[in-house]
Amino acid sequence: MLASELFDVSGKVVLVTGGARGIGLAMARTLVLNGASVALADIAHESAEASAATIRSEGGTALAVGLDVRDEEKITSAFDLVEAELGNVGVLINNAGIAHRDKAVSLSPKDWRSVMEVNLDGAFAVAQEAARRMIRDRRAGSIINVSSILAERPIRQIAAYSASKAALSQLTGSLALEWAKHGIRVNEIRPGWFETGLTDPFLKGPGSKIMATQTPMGRLGDGLDLAGAVLLLASEASRYMTGSAITVDGGHSIGK
């Protein structure tokens, strides 16, 4: 089979949570360039509108959707809107996430819970809604959870974030196991250090250079570095993959 056929995503409807900016937007743009229609679902609705407008001005198909992944009613409404405007969601990218930096002894229950509500509870709720609709319509699909190398290799002062991503990795496997019989693949991308709004607090000052030097490839990641992984998992090229994790980190997780 030709690569153009194997990695074809034309006609697919993709919903990206946290899609207004950063790596969520970068992955969405990759899929649009390859023929997919995307829904940029984000709590920052105005930013999502601006990003969707830019994609449309370039000839792509994009819809902005206001979405707080902590709100089940808004999740249902988001899927209803996407179905009405673009069609049934065939690919979900669970990318919405937050981080909180604090020493573990100082981390408040509220801040711990806030991180878990978005990174874990929200990811599960959105995946659950996507799967319910796929199963209802007897449609196969792909769910891509965006985790982190910190799920296995944590650093200091982000206990909640690391724990949420480790739990998301376990959730990926659990959902893959349950939904395989329905033709729903659930896989995971584990990015390393990318310069995004989420990582800004950790990469201020000398942090960026330090992380780059600790990465064997000698640099931080950018959105283009995720293009191959997301095309693989969104397309039929990964038709026999489920419960898998793809690490995209320039070798950081194997560095000394």
C-alpha atoms as a PDB file:
ATOM      1  CA  MET A   1       0.000   0.000   0.000  1.00  0.00           C
ATOM      2  CA  LEU A   2       1.245   3.479  -0.840  1.00  0.00           C
ATOM      3  CA  ALA A   3       2.151   5.763   2.047  1.00  0.00           C
ATOM      4  CA  SER A   4      -0.365   8.302   0.745  1.00  0.00           C
ATOM      5  CA  GLU A   5      -3.101   5.699   1.243  1.00  0.00           C
ATOM      6  CA  LEU A   6      -1.762   4.233   4.467  1.00  0.00           C
ATOM      7  CA  PHE A   7      -1.574   7.573   6.270  1.00  0.00           C
ATOM      8  CA  ASP A   8      -4.677   9.048   4.641  1.00  0.00           C
ATOM      9  CA  VAL A   9      -6.883  11.057   7.025  1.00  0.00           C
ATOM     10  CA  SER A  10      -8.934  12.842   4.380  1.00  0.00           C
ATOM     11  CA  GLY A  11     -12.592  12.952   5.313  1.00  0.00           C
ATOM     12  CA  LYS A  12     -11.951  12.203   8.970  1.00  0.00           C
ATOM     13  CA  VAL A  13     -13.500  14.416  11.629  1.00  0.00           C
ATOM     14  CA  VAL A  14     -11.072  15.098  14.474  1.00  0.00           C
ATOM     15  CA  LEU A  15     -11.889  16.692  17.838  1.00  0.00           C
ATOM     16  CA  VAL A  16      -8.882  18.122  19.673  1.00  0.00           C
ATOM     17  CA  THR A  17      -9.303  19.202  23.288  1.00  0.00           C
ATOM     18  CA  GLY A  18      -6.979  22.029  24.277  1.00  0.00           C
ATOM     19  CA  GLY A  19      -6.790  22.714  20.557  1.00  0.00           C
ATOM     20  CA  ALA A  20      -6.569  26.500  20.566  1.00  0.00           C
ATOM     21  CA  ARG A  21      -2.791  26.692  20.892  1.00  0.00           C
ATOM     22  CA  GLY A  22       0.431  24.799  21.544  1.00  0.00           C
ATOM     23  CA  ILE A  23       0.850  21.169  20.582  1.00  0.00           C
ATOM     24  CA  GLY A  24      -2.915  20.660  20.343  1.00  0.00           C
ATOM     25  CA  LEU A  25      -3.116  23.227  17.567  1.00  0.00           C
ATOM     26  CA  ALA A  26       0.057  21.886  15.923  1.00  0.00           C
ATOM     27  CA  MET A  27      -1.427  18.381  15.733  1.00  0.00           C
ATOM     28  CA  ALA A  28      -4.711  19.753  14.421  1.00  0.00           C
ATOM     29  CA  ARG A  29      -2.919  21.679  11.673  1.00  0.00           C
ATOM     30  CA  THR A  30      -1.013  18.564  10.619  1.00  0.00           C
ATOM     31  CA  LEU A  31      -4.270  16.650  10.199  1.00  0.00           C
ATOM     32  CA  VAL A  32      -5.962  19.521   8.348  1.00  0.00           C
ATOM     33  CA  LEU A  33      -3.046  19.726   5.903  1.00  0.00           C
ATOM     34  CA  ASN A  34      -3.656  16.063   5.190  1.00  0.00           C
ATOM     35  CA  GLY A  35      -7.364  16.448   4.523  1.00  0.00           C
ATOM     36  CA  ALA A  36      -9.084  16.081   7.890  1.00  0.00           C
ATOM     37  CA  SER A  37     -11.721  18.404   9.332  1.00  0.00           C
ATOM     38  CA  VAL A  38     -10.932  19.520  12.868  1.00  0.00           C
ATOM     39  CA  ALA A  39     -12.843  20.840  15.839  1.00  0.00           C
ATOM     40  CA  LEU A  40     -10.670  22.926  18.148  1.00  0.00           C
ATOM     41  CA  ALA A  41     -12.289  22.425  21.539  1.00  0.00           C
ATOM     42  CA  ASP A  42     -10.926  24.677  24.242  1.00  0.00           C
ATOM     43  CA  ILE A  43     -11.980  26.513  27.385  1.00  0.00           C
ATOM     44  CA  ALA A  44     -10.394  29.582  25.748  1.00  0.00           C
ATOM     45  CA  HIS A  45     -13.123  29.893  23.130  1.00  0.00           C
ATOM     46  CA  GLU A  46     -11.901  33.171  21.645  1.00  0.00           C
ATOM     47  CA  SER A  47      -8.441  31.731  21.063  1.00  0.00           C
ATOM     48  CA  ALA A  48      -9.992  28.657  19.468  1.00  0.00           C
ATOM     49  CA  GLU A  49     -12.068  30.921  17.208  1.00  0.00           C
ATOM     50  CA  ALA A  50      -8.954  32.798  16.102  1.00  0.00           C
ATOM     51  CA  SER A  51      -7.028  29.589  15.392  1.00  0.00           C
ATOM     52  CA  ALA A  52      -9.951  28.048  13.507  1.00  0.00           C
ATOM     53  CA  ALA A  53     -10.321  31.218  11.441  1.00  0.00           C
ATOM     54  CA  THR A  54      -6.652  31.062  10.489  1.00  0.00           C
ATOM     55  CA  ILE A  55      -6.999  27.440   9.377  1.00  0.00           C
ATOM     56  CA  ARG A  56     -10.069  28.304   7.313  1.00  0.00           C
ATOM     57  CA  SER A  57      -8.264  31.229   5.688  1.00  0.00           C
ATOM     58  CA  GLU A  58      -5.621  28.741   4.544  1.00  0.00           C
ATOM     59  CA  GLY A  59      -8.245  26.529   2.929  1.00  0.00           C
ATOM     60  CA  GLY A  60      -8.781  24.023   5.720  1.00  0.00           C
ATOM     61  CA  THR A  61     -11.944  23.008   7.537  1.00  0.00           C
ATOM     62  CA  ALA A  62     -11.980  23.959  11.217  1.00  0.00           C
ATOM     63  CA  LEU A  63     -14.604  24.614  13.855  1.00  0.00           C
ATOM     64  CA  ALA A  64     -14.079  26.318  17.213  1.00  0.00           C
ATOM     65  CA  VAL A  65     -15.889  24.766  20.164  1.00  0.00           C
ATOM     66  CA  GLY A  66     -16.024  26.161  23.676  1.00  0.00           C
ATOM     67  CA  LEU A  67     -15.337  23.279  26.033  1.00  0.00           C
ATOM     68  CA  ASP A  68     -14.527  22.835  29.707  1.00  0.00           C
ATOM     69  CA  VAL A  69     -13.605  19.156  30.021  1.00  0.00           C
ATOM     70  CA  ARG A  70     -14.710  19.242  33.675  1.00  0.00           C
ATOM     71  CA  ASP A  71     -18.318  19.835  32.634  1.00  0.00           C
ATOM     72  CA  GLU A  72     -20.175  16.743  31.385  1.00  0.00           C
ATOM     73  CA  GLU A  73     -23.041  18.756  29.886  1.00  0.00           C
ATOM     74  CA  LYS A  74     -20.586  20.866  27.878  1.00  0.00           C
ATOM     75  CA  ILE A  75     -18.857  17.715  26.657  1.00  0.00           C
ATOM     76  CA  THR A  76     -22.157  16.368  25.355  1.00  0.00           C
ATOM     77  CA  SER A  77     -22.987  19.720  23.749  1.00  0.00           C
ATOM     78  CA  ALA A  78     -19.555  19.898  22.120  1.00  0.00           C
ATOM     79  CA  PHE A  79     -19.995  16.529  20.438  1.00  0.00           C
ATOM     80  CA  ASP A  80     -23.520  17.462  19.347  1.00  0.00           C
ATOM     81  CA  LEU A  81     -22.194  20.654  17.749  1.00  0.00           C
ATOM     82  CA  VAL A  82     -19.338  18.896  15.958  1.00  0.00           C
ATOM     83  CA  GLU A  83     -21.681  16.210  14.643  1.00  0.00           C
ATOM     84  CA  ALA A  84     -24.086  18.848  13.344  1.00  0.00           C
ATOM     85  CA  GLU A  85     -21.395  20.996  11.701  1.00  0.00           C
ATOM     86  CA  LEU A  86     -18.723  18.525  10.565  1.00  0.00           C
ATOM     87  CA  GLY A  87     -20.044  14.995  11.028  1.00  0.00           C
ATOM     88  CA  ASN A  88     -19.343  12.143  13.420  1.00  0.00           C
ATOM     89  CA  VAL A  89     -16.074  12.313  15.318  1.00  0.00           C
ATOM     90  CA  GLY A  90     -13.762   9.545  14.148  1.00  0.00           C
ATOM     91  CA  VAL A  91     -10.608  10.693  15.934  1.00  0.00           C
ATOM     92  CA  LEU A  92     -10.362  12.208  19.400  1.00  0.00           C
ATOM     93  CA  ILE A  93      -7.150  13.823  20.613  1.00  0.00           C
ATOM     94  CA  ASN A  94      -7.313  14.214  24.392  1.00  0.00           C
ATOM     95  CA  ASN A  95      -4.829  17.049  24.778  1.00  0.00           C
ATOM     96  CA  ALA A  96      -6.353  19.453  27.338  1.00  0.00           C
ATOM     97  CA  GLY A  97      -4.128  19.733  30.376  1.00  0.00           C
ATOM     98  CA  ILE A  98      -2.882  21.967  33.150  1.00  0.00           C
ATOM     99  CA  ALA A  99       0.094  21.885  35.491  1.00  0.00           C
ATOM    100  CA  HIS A 100       0.791  23.269  38.946  1.00  0.00           C
ATOM    101  CA  ARG A 101       4.275  23.795  40.298  1.00  0.00           C
ATOM    102  CA  ASP A 102       4.749  23.486  44.055  1.00  0.00           C
ATOM    103  CA  LYS A 103       6.670  21.473  46.596  1.00  0.00           C
ATOM    104  CA  ALA A 104       4.790  18.313  47.526  1.00  0.00           C
ATOM    105  CA  VAL A 105       4.646  19.310  51.197  1.00  0.00           C
ATOM    106  CA  SER A 106       2.972  22.590  50.222  1.00  0.00           C
ATOM    107  CA  LEU A 107       0.611  21.306  47.522  1.00  0.00           C
ATOM    108  CA  SER A 108      -2.959  22.031  48.570  1.00  0.00           C
ATOM    109  CA  PRO A 109      -5.817  19.546  48.101  1.00  0.00           C
ATOM    110  CA  LYS A 110      -7.510  22.127  45.872  1.00  0.00           C
ATOM    111  CA  ASP A 111      -4.525  22.427  43.524  1.00  0.00           C
ATOM    112  CA  TRP A 112      -4.054  18.646  43.462  1.00  0.00           C
ATOM    113  CA  ARG A 113      -7.712  18.157  42.612  1.00  0.00           C
ATOM    114  CA  SER A 114      -7.669  20.868  39.915  1.00  0.00           C
ATOM    115  CA  VAL A 115      -4.901  19.100  38.016  1.00  0.00           C
ATOM    116  CA  MET A 116      -6.624  15.702  38.308  1.00  0.00           C
ATOM    117  CA  GLU A 117      -9.988  17.106  37.206  1.00  0.00           C
ATOM    118  CA  VAL A 118      -8.580  18.330  33.905  1.00  0.00           C
ATOM    119  CA  ASN A 119      -5.768  15.914  33.091  1.00  0.00           C
ATOM    120  CA  LEU A 120      -7.408  12.678  34.191  1.00  0.00           C
ATOM    121  CA  ASP A 121     -11.117  13.060  34.938  1.00  0.00           C
ATOM    122  CA  GLY A 122     -11.666  15.308  31.931  1.00  0.00           C
ATOM    123  CA  ALA A 123      -9.742  13.022  29.597  1.00  0.00           C
ATOM    124  CA  PHE A 124     -11.817  10.058  30.727  1.00  0.00           C
ATOM    125  CA  ALA A 125     -15.118  11.919  30.369  1.00  0.00           C
ATOM    126  CA  VAL A 126     -14.337  13.084  26.826  1.00  0.00           C
ATOM    127  CA  ALA A 127     -13.079   9.638  25.784  1.00  0.00           C
ATOM    128  CA  GLN A 128     -16.186   8.055  27.290  1.00  0.00           C
ATOM    129  CA  GLU A 129     -18.488  10.333  25.293  1.00  0.00           C
ATOM    130  CA  ALA A 130     -16.568   9.666  22.075  1.00  0.00           C
ATOM    131  CA  ALA A 131     -16.698   5.913  22.628  1.00  0.00           C
ATOM    132  CA  ARG A 132     -20.390   5.906  23.501  1.00  0.00           C
ATOM    133  CA  ARG A 133     -21.194   7.529  20.163  1.00  0.00           C
ATOM    134  CA  MET A 134     -18.868   5.284  18.189  1.00  0.00           C
ATOM    135  CA  ILE A 135     -20.360   2.187  19.798  1.00  0.00           C
ATOM    136  CA  ARG A 136     -23.900   3.508  19.313  1.00  0.00           C
ATOM    137  CA  ASP A 137     -23.272   3.990  15.589  1.00  0.00           C
ATOM    138  CA  ARG A 138     -21.117   0.866  15.226  1.00  0.00           C
ATOM    139  CA  ARG A 139     -18.219   2.955  13.988  1.00  0.00           C
ATOM    140  CA  ALA A 140     -14.537   2.258  14.502  1.00  0.00           C
ATOM    141  CA  GLY A 141     -12.386   5.136  15.703  1.00  0.00           C
ATOM    142  CA  SER A 142      -9.146   6.321  17.233  1.00  0.00           C
ATOM    143  CA  ILE A 143      -8.616   7.971  20.614  1.00  0.00           C
ATOM    144  CA  ILE A 144      -5.213   9.550  21.191  1.00  0.00           C
ATOM    145  CA  ASN A 145      -4.342  10.530  24.754  1.00  0.00           C
ATOM    146  CA  VAL A 146      -1.552  13.074  25.148  1.00  0.00           C
ATOM    147  CA  SER A 147       0.442  12.039  28.189  1.00  0.00           C
ATOM    148  CA  SER A 148       4.054  12.965  28.996  1.00  0.00           C
ATOM    149  CA  ILE A 149       7.472  11.440  29.570  1.00  0.00           C
ATOM    150  CA  LEU A 150       6.958  12.633  33.158  1.00  0.00           C
ATOM    151  CA  ALA A 151       4.456   9.795  33.597  1.00  0.00           C
ATOM    152  CA  GLU A 152       7.486   7.541  34.047  1.00  0.00           C
ATOM    153  CA  ARG A 153      10.306   9.977  34.766  1.00  0.00           C
ATOM    154  CA  PRO A 154       8.999  12.650  37.142  1.00  0.00           C
ATOM    155  CA  ILE A 155      10.865  15.725  38.272  1.00  0.00           C
ATOM    156  CA  ARG A 156      10.583  17.720  41.464  1.00  0.00           C
ATOM    157  CA  GLN A 157       7.693  20.045  42.318  1.00  0.00           C
ATOM    158  CA  ILE A 158       5.105  18.755  39.843  1.00  0.00           C
ATOM    159  CA  ALA A 159       3.777  15.749  41.729  1.00  0.00           C
ATOM    160  CA  ALA A 160       0.160  16.285  40.685  1.00  0.00           C
ATOM    161  CA  TYR A 161       0.996  16.630  36.999  1.00  0.00           C
ATOM    162  CA  SER A 162       3.248  13.557  36.938  1.00  0.00           C
ATOM    163  CA  ALA A 163       0.694  11.484  38.833  1.00  0.00           C
ATOM    164  CA  SER A 164      -2.113  12.571  36.511  1.00  0.00           C
ATOM    165  CA  LYS A 165      -0.123  11.586  33.437  1.00  0.00           C
ATOM    166  CA  ALA A 166       0.863   8.226  34.928  1.00  0.00           C
ATOM    167  CA  ALA A 167      -2.814   7.577  35.632  1.00  0.00           C
ATOM    168  CA  LEU A 168      -3.686   8.633  32.082  1.00  0.00           C
ATOM    169  CA  SER A 169      -1.227   6.057  30.767  1.00  0.00           C
ATOM    170  CA  GLN A 170      -2.922   3.336  32.794  1.00  0.00           C
ATOM    171  CA  LEU A 171      -6.309   4.590  31.612  1.00  0.00           C
ATOM    172  CA  THR A 172      -5.135   4.344  28.000  1.00  0.00           C
ATOM    173  CA  GLY A 173      -4.451   0.646  28.424  1.00  0.00           C
ATOM    174  CA  SER A 174      -7.693  -0.023  30.271  1.00  0.00           C
ATOM    175  CA  LEU A 175      -9.840   1.682  27.647  1.00  0.00           C
ATOM    176  CA  ALA A 176      -7.911   0.028  24.806  1.00  0.00           C
ATOM    177  CA  LEU A 177      -8.622  -3.366  26.344  1.00  0.00           C
ATOM    178  CA  GLU A 178     -12.342  -2.719  26.785  1.00  0.00           C
ATOM    179  CA  TRP A 179     -13.050  -1.032  23.475  1.00  0.00           C
ATOM    180  CA  ALA A 180     -10.920  -3.082  21.077  1.00  0.00           C
ATOM    181  CA  LYS A 181     -13.896  -5.326  20.287  1.00  0.00           C
ATOM    182  CA  HIS A 182     -15.734  -2.260  18.993  1.00  0.00           C
ATOM    183  CA  GLY A 183     -12.911  -1.282  16.650  1.00  0.00           C
ATOM    184  CA  ILE A 184     -11.936   1.655  18.845  1.00  0.00           C
ATOM    185  CA  ARG A 185      -8.183   2.061  19.201  1.00  0.00           C
ATOM    186  CA  VAL A 186      -6.846   3.918  22.233  1.00  0.00           C
ATOM    187  CA  ASN A 187      -3.206   4.947  22.130  1.00  0.00           C
ATOM    188  CA  GLU A 188      -0.957   7.510  23.717  1.00  0.00           C
ATOM    189  CA  ILE A 189       1.643  10.075  22.714  1.00  0.00           C
ATOM    190  CA  ARG A 190       4.244  11.004  25.332  1.00  0.00           C
ATOM    191  CA  PRO A 191       5.859  14.319  24.406  1.00  0.00           C
ATOM    192  CA  GLY A 192       9.067  15.411  26.040  1.00  0.00           C
ATOM    193  CA  TRP A 193       9.992  19.054  26.577  1.00  0.00           C
ATOM    194  CA  PHE A 194       8.208  21.351  24.141  1.00  0.00           C
ATOM    195  CA  GLU A 195       7.970  25.125  24.437  1.00  0.00           C
ATOM    196  CA  THR A 196       4.264  25.763  25.029  1.00  0.00           C
ATOM    197  CA  GLY A 197       2.117  27.875  27.319  1.00  0.00           C
ATOM    198  CA  LEU A 198       1.931  24.924  29.694  1.00  0.00           C
ATOM    199  CA  THR A 199       5.698  24.559  30.011  1.00  0.00           C
ATOM    200  CA  ASP A 200       6.505  28.278  30.147  1.00  0.00           C
ATOM    201  CA  PRO A 201       6.714  28.320  33.976  1.00  0.00           C
ATOM    202  CA  PHE A 202       9.289  25.503  33.883  1.00  0.00           C
ATOM    203  CA  LEU A 203      11.374  26.853  31.022  1.00  0.00           C
ATOM    204  CA  LYS A 204      11.782  30.467  32.119  1.00  0.00           C
ATOM    205  CA  GLY A 205      15.270  31.879  32.338  1.00  0.00           C
ATOM    206  CA  PRO A 206      17.954  29.212  31.960  1.00  0.00           C
ATOM    207  CA  GLY A 207      15.413  26.372  32.133  1.00  0.00           C
ATOM    208  CA  SER A 208      15.023  26.119  28.369  1.00  0.00           C
ATOM    209  CA  LYS A 209      18.759  25.781  27.758  1.00  0.00           C
ATOM    210  CA  ILE A 210      19.168  23.294  30.612  1.00  0.00           C
ATOM    211  CA  MET A 211      16.425  21.012  29.282  1.00  0.00           C
ATOM    212  CA  ALA A 212      17.814  21.269  25.753  1.00  0.00           C
ATOM    213  CA  THR A 213      21.289  20.244  26.909  1.00  0.00           C
ATOM    214  CA  GLN A 214      19.796  17.320  28.847  1.00  0.00           C
ATOM    215  CA  THR A 215      18.173  16.061  25.650  1.00  0.00           C
ATOM    216  CA  PRO A 216      20.462  13.875  23.517  1.00  0.00           C
ATOM    217  CA  MET A 217      19.277  15.571  20.320  1.00  0.00           C
ATOM    218  CA  GLY A 218      20.291  18.917  21.832  1.00  0.00           C
ATOM    219  CA  ARG A 219      17.068  20.878  21.473  1.00  0.00           C
ATOM    220  CA  LEU A 220      13.484  21.202  22.675  1.00  0.00           C
ATOM    221  CA  GLY A 221      10.608  19.898  20.599  1.00  0.00           C
ATOM    222  CA  ASP A 222       8.353  21.879  18.321  1.00  0.00           C
ATOM    223  CA  GLY A 223       4.917  21.136  16.882  1.00  0.00           C
ATOM    224  CA  LEU A 224       6.289  19.593  13.700  1.00  0.00           C
ATOM    225  CA  ASP A 225       8.015  16.908  15.755  1.00  0.00           C
ATOM    226  CA  LEU A 226       4.609  15.407  16.639  1.00  0.00           C
ATOM    227  CA  ALA A 227       3.342  15.290  13.059  1.00  0.00           C
ATOM    228  CA  GLY A 228       4.467  11.743  12.337  1.00  0.00           C
ATOM    229  CA  ALA A 229       3.073  10.286  15.536  1.00  0.00           C
ATOM    230  CA  VAL A 230      -0.321  11.923  15.212  1.00  0.00           C
ATOM    231  CA  LEU A 231      -0.664  10.969  11.534  1.00  0.00           C
ATOM    232  CA  LEU A 232       0.201   7.393  12.413  1.00  0.00           C
ATOM    233  CA  LEU A 233      -2.325   7.112  15.233  1.00  0.00           C
ATOM    234  CA  ALA A 234      -5.116   8.986  13.445  1.00  0.00           C
ATOM    235  CA  SER A 235      -4.847   6.935  10.258  1.00  0.00           C
ATOM    236  CA  GLU A 236      -5.206   3.309   9.242  1.00  0.00           C
ATOM    237  CA  ALA A 237      -1.426   3.018   9.433  1.00  0.00           C
ATOM    238  CA  SER A 238      -1.998   2.119  13.103  1.00  0.00           C
ATOM    239  CA  ARG A 239      -4.947  -0.203  12.448  1.00  0.00           C
ATOM    240  CA  TYR A 240      -3.345  -2.985  14.567  1.00  0.00           C
ATOM    241  CA  MET A 241      -2.130  -0.722  17.366  1.00  0.00           C
ATOM    242  CA  THR A 242      -4.031  -0.190  20.587  1.00  0.00           C
ATOM    243  CA  GLY A 243      -2.837   0.378  24.128  1.00  0.00           C
ATOM    244  CA  SER A 244       0.478   1.634  22.748  1.00  0.00           C
ATOM    245  CA  ALA A 245       2.581   4.628  23.787  1.00  0.00           C
ATOM    246  CA  ILE A 246       4.779   6.610  21.398  1.00  0.00           C
ATOM    247  CA  THR A 247       7.478   8.722  23.027  1.00  0.00           C
ATOM    248  CA  VAL A 248       8.512  11.894  21.190  1.00  0.00           C
ATOM    249  CA  ASP A 249      11.212  13.546  23.277  1.00  0.00           C
ATOM    250  CA  GLY A 250      14.516  13.762  21.392  1.00  0.00           C
ATOM    251  CA  GLY A 251      15.874  10.986  23.605  1.00  0.00           C
ATOM    252  CA  HIS A 252      15.354  12.896  26.866  1.00  0.00           C
ATOM    253  CA  SER A 253      13.839   9.935  28.702  1.00  0.00           C
ATOM    254  CA  ILE A 254      16.832   7.721  27.923  1.00  0.00           C
ATOM    255  CA  GLY A 255      19.459  10.381  28.583  1.00  0.00           C
ATOM    256  CA  LYS A 256      21.631  10.366  31.669  1.00  0.00           C
END
